[in-house]
Amino acid sequence: GPASDLAADKTAVLEAVLGFYDRFAEQNPPTPRLQFEAAKASRRVCEAHAWLRRPKEAAAAYGRAVALLEPLVARFPDHEGMRAELALTYLSAP
């Protein structure tokens, strides 16, 4: 239906953003802000895949979000936004 089409479209856009991040990160060490944005995009991709009943893709996106976020939270323990995002990510575990 229209809702799942919209979710699939949004997922495609987020995955394009993550593809850009990957290509950028191969050339330059990513800034914490860019890494944080990629982590948020990964969490949203995880949620979209879960909603679209794609458990394998959801699990991969979840693992990626955690792998991007945990080092950031360790490095910036006082950053409320990063801690909150990590909590949200754990809650969205597929």
C-alpha atoms as a PDB file:
ATOM      1  CA  GLY A   1       0.000   0.000   0.000  1.00  0.00           C
ATOM      2  CA  PRO A   2       0.935   3.690  -0.029  1.00  0.00           C
ATOM      3  CA  ALA A   3       2.387   3.604   3.511  1.00  0.00           C
ATOM      4  CA  SER A   4       4.790   0.785   2.742  1.00  0.00           C
ATOM      5  CA  ASP A   5       5.740   2.467  -0.559  1.00  0.00           C
ATOM      6  CA  LEU A   6       6.568   5.637   1.386  1.00  0.00           C
ATOM      7  CA  ALA A   7       8.609   3.661   3.937  1.00  0.00           C
ATOM      8  CA  ALA A   8      10.502   1.939   1.120  1.00  0.00           C
ATOM      9  CA  ASP A   9      11.194   5.324  -0.546  1.00  0.00           C
ATOM     10  CA  LYS A  10      12.439   6.841   2.718  1.00  0.00           C
ATOM     11  CA  THR A  11      14.628   3.801   3.320  1.00  0.00           C
ATOM     12  CA  ALA A  12      16.155   4.156  -0.155  1.00  0.00           C
ATOM     13  CA  VAL A  13      16.986   7.823   0.548  1.00  0.00           C
ATOM     14  CA  LEU A  14      18.551   7.002   3.926  1.00  0.00           C
ATOM     15  CA  GLU A  15      20.571   4.180   2.371  1.00  0.00           C
ATOM     16  CA  ALA A  16      21.832   6.584  -0.300  1.00  0.00           C
ATOM     17  CA  VAL A  17      22.962   8.934   2.506  1.00  0.00           C
ATOM     18  CA  LEU A  18      24.781   6.025   4.156  1.00  0.00           C
ATOM     19  CA  GLY A  19      26.416   5.091   0.853  1.00  0.00           C
ATOM     20  CA  PHE A  20      27.692   8.658   0.575  1.00  0.00           C
ATOM     21  CA  TYR A  21      28.997   8.441   4.155  1.00  0.00           C
ATOM     22  CA  ASP A  22      30.856   5.207   3.341  1.00  0.00           C
ATOM     23  CA  ARG A  23      32.504   6.688   0.262  1.00  0.00           C
ATOM     24  CA  PHE A  24      33.443   9.833   2.190  1.00  0.00           C
ATOM     25  CA  ALA A  25      34.821   7.838   5.140  1.00  0.00           C
ATOM     26  CA  GLU A  26      37.082   5.836   2.800  1.00  0.00           C
ATOM     27  CA  GLN A  27      38.807   9.101   1.808  1.00  0.00           C
ATOM     28  CA  ASN A  28      38.698  11.103   5.071  1.00  0.00           C
ATOM     29  CA  PRO A  29      38.331  10.294   8.737  1.00  0.00           C
ATOM     30  CA  PRO A  30      34.684  11.154   9.422  1.00  0.00           C
ATOM     31  CA  THR A  31      33.975  13.993  11.840  1.00  0.00           C
ATOM     32  CA  PRO A  32      32.038  13.088  14.986  1.00  0.00           C
ATOM     33  CA  ARG A  33      29.058  15.047  13.625  1.00  0.00           C
ATOM     34  CA  LEU A  34      29.065  13.121  10.331  1.00  0.00           C
ATOM     35  CA  GLN A  35      29.423   9.825  12.196  1.00  0.00           C
ATOM     36  CA  PHE A  36      26.489  10.825  14.434  1.00  0.00           C
ATOM     37  CA  GLU A  37      24.329  11.663  11.391  1.00  0.00           C
ATOM     38  CA  ALA A  38      25.205   8.297   9.814  1.00  0.00           C
ATOM     39  CA  ALA A  39      24.296   6.540  13.073  1.00  0.00           C
ATOM     40  CA  LYS A  40      20.895   8.261  13.170  1.00  0.00           C
ATOM     41  CA  ALA A  41      20.271   7.346   9.531  1.00  0.00           C
ATOM     42  CA  SER A  42      21.225   3.723  10.308  1.00  0.00           C
ATOM     43  CA  ARG A  43      18.733   3.584  13.176  1.00  0.00           C
ATOM     44  CA  ARG A  44      15.968   4.951  10.936  1.00  0.00           C
ATOM     45  CA  VAL A  45      16.867   2.382   8.257  1.00  0.00           C
ATOM     46  CA  CYS A  46      16.657  -0.340  10.921  1.00  0.00           C
ATOM     47  CA  GLU A  47      13.179   0.838  11.969  1.00  0.00           C
ATOM     48  CA  ALA A  48      11.990   1.046   8.357  1.00  0.00           C
ATOM     49  CA  HIS A  49      13.243  -2.462   7.535  1.00  0.00           C
ATOM     50  CA  ALA A  50      11.595  -3.812  10.686  1.00  0.00           C
ATOM     51  CA  TRP A  51       8.324  -2.137   9.675  1.00  0.00           C
ATOM     52  CA  LEU A  52       8.636  -3.582   6.165  1.00  0.00           C
ATOM     53  CA  ARG A  53       9.249  -7.036   7.704  1.00  0.00           C
ATOM     54  CA  ARG A  54      12.850  -7.386   6.515  1.00  0.00           C
ATOM     55  CA  PRO A  55      14.490  -8.817   9.639  1.00  0.00           C
ATOM     56  CA  LYS A  56      17.897  -9.500   8.087  1.00  0.00           C
ATOM     57  CA  GLU A  57      18.255  -5.931   6.774  1.00  0.00           C
ATOM     58  CA  ALA A  58      16.914  -4.509  10.054  1.00  0.00           C
ATOM     59  CA  ALA A  59      19.507  -6.464  12.054  1.00  0.00           C
ATOM     60  CA  ALA A  60      22.341  -5.280   9.785  1.00  0.00           C
ATOM     61  CA  ALA A  61      21.277  -1.620  10.080  1.00  0.00           C
ATOM     62  CA  TYR A  62      20.908  -1.990  13.863  1.00  0.00           C
ATOM     63  CA  GLY A  63      24.413  -3.430  14.186  1.00  0.00           C
ATOM     64  CA  ARG A  64      25.763  -0.586  12.132  1.00  0.00           C
ATOM     65  CA  ALA A  65      24.015   2.098  14.215  1.00  0.00           C
ATOM     66  CA  VAL A  66      25.409   0.601  17.433  1.00  0.00           C
ATOM     67  CA  ALA A  67      28.920   0.283  15.950  1.00  0.00           C
ATOM     68  CA  LEU A  68      28.848   3.967  14.952  1.00  0.00           C
ATOM     69  CA  LEU A  69      27.303   5.246  18.193  1.00  0.00           C
ATOM     70  CA  GLU A  70      29.048   3.332  20.980  1.00  0.00           C
ATOM     71  CA  PRO A  71      32.515   4.806  20.237  1.00  0.00           C
ATOM     72  CA  LEU A  72      30.999   8.306  19.976  1.00  0.00           C
ATOM     73  CA  VAL A  73      29.281   7.994  23.362  1.00  0.00           C
ATOM     74  CA  ALA A  74      32.529   6.691  24.876  1.00  0.00           C
ATOM     75  CA  ARG A  75      34.402   9.667  23.418  1.00  0.00           C
ATOM     76  CA  PHE A  76      31.766  12.292  24.279  1.00  0.00           C
ATOM     77  CA  PRO A  77      30.102  10.986  27.460  1.00  0.00           C
ATOM     78  CA  ASP A  78      28.491  14.372  28.240  1.00  0.00           C
ATOM     79  CA  HIS A  79      26.792  14.703  24.833  1.00  0.00           C
ATOM     80  CA  GLU A  80      23.089  14.275  25.704  1.00  0.00           C
ATOM     81  CA  GLY A  81      22.028  13.832  22.078  1.00  0.00           C
ATOM     82  CA  MET A  82      24.453  10.987  21.462  1.00  0.00           C
ATOM     83  CA  ARG A  83      23.468   9.188  24.669  1.00  0.00           C
ATOM     84  CA  ALA A  84      19.768   9.608  23.858  1.00  0.00           C
ATOM     85  CA  GLU A  85      20.310   8.317  20.313  1.00  0.00           C
ATOM     86  CA  LEU A  86      22.122   5.245  21.632  1.00  0.00           C
ATOM     87  CA  ALA A  87      19.229   4.562  24.043  1.00  0.00           C
ATOM     88  CA  LEU A  88      16.743   4.953  21.154  1.00  0.00           C
ATOM     89  CA  THR A  89      18.852   2.593  19.061  1.00  0.00           C
ATOM     90  CA  TYR A  90      18.887  -0.067  21.797  1.00  0.00           C
ATOM     91  CA  LEU A  91      15.104   0.301  22.080  1.00  0.00           C
ATOM     92  CA  SER A  92      14.691  -0.228  18.332  1.00  0.00           C
ATOM     93  CA  ALA A  93      16.672  -3.496  18.410  1.00  0.00           C
ATOM     94  CA  PRO A  94      14.996  -5.876  15.950  1.00  0.00           C
END
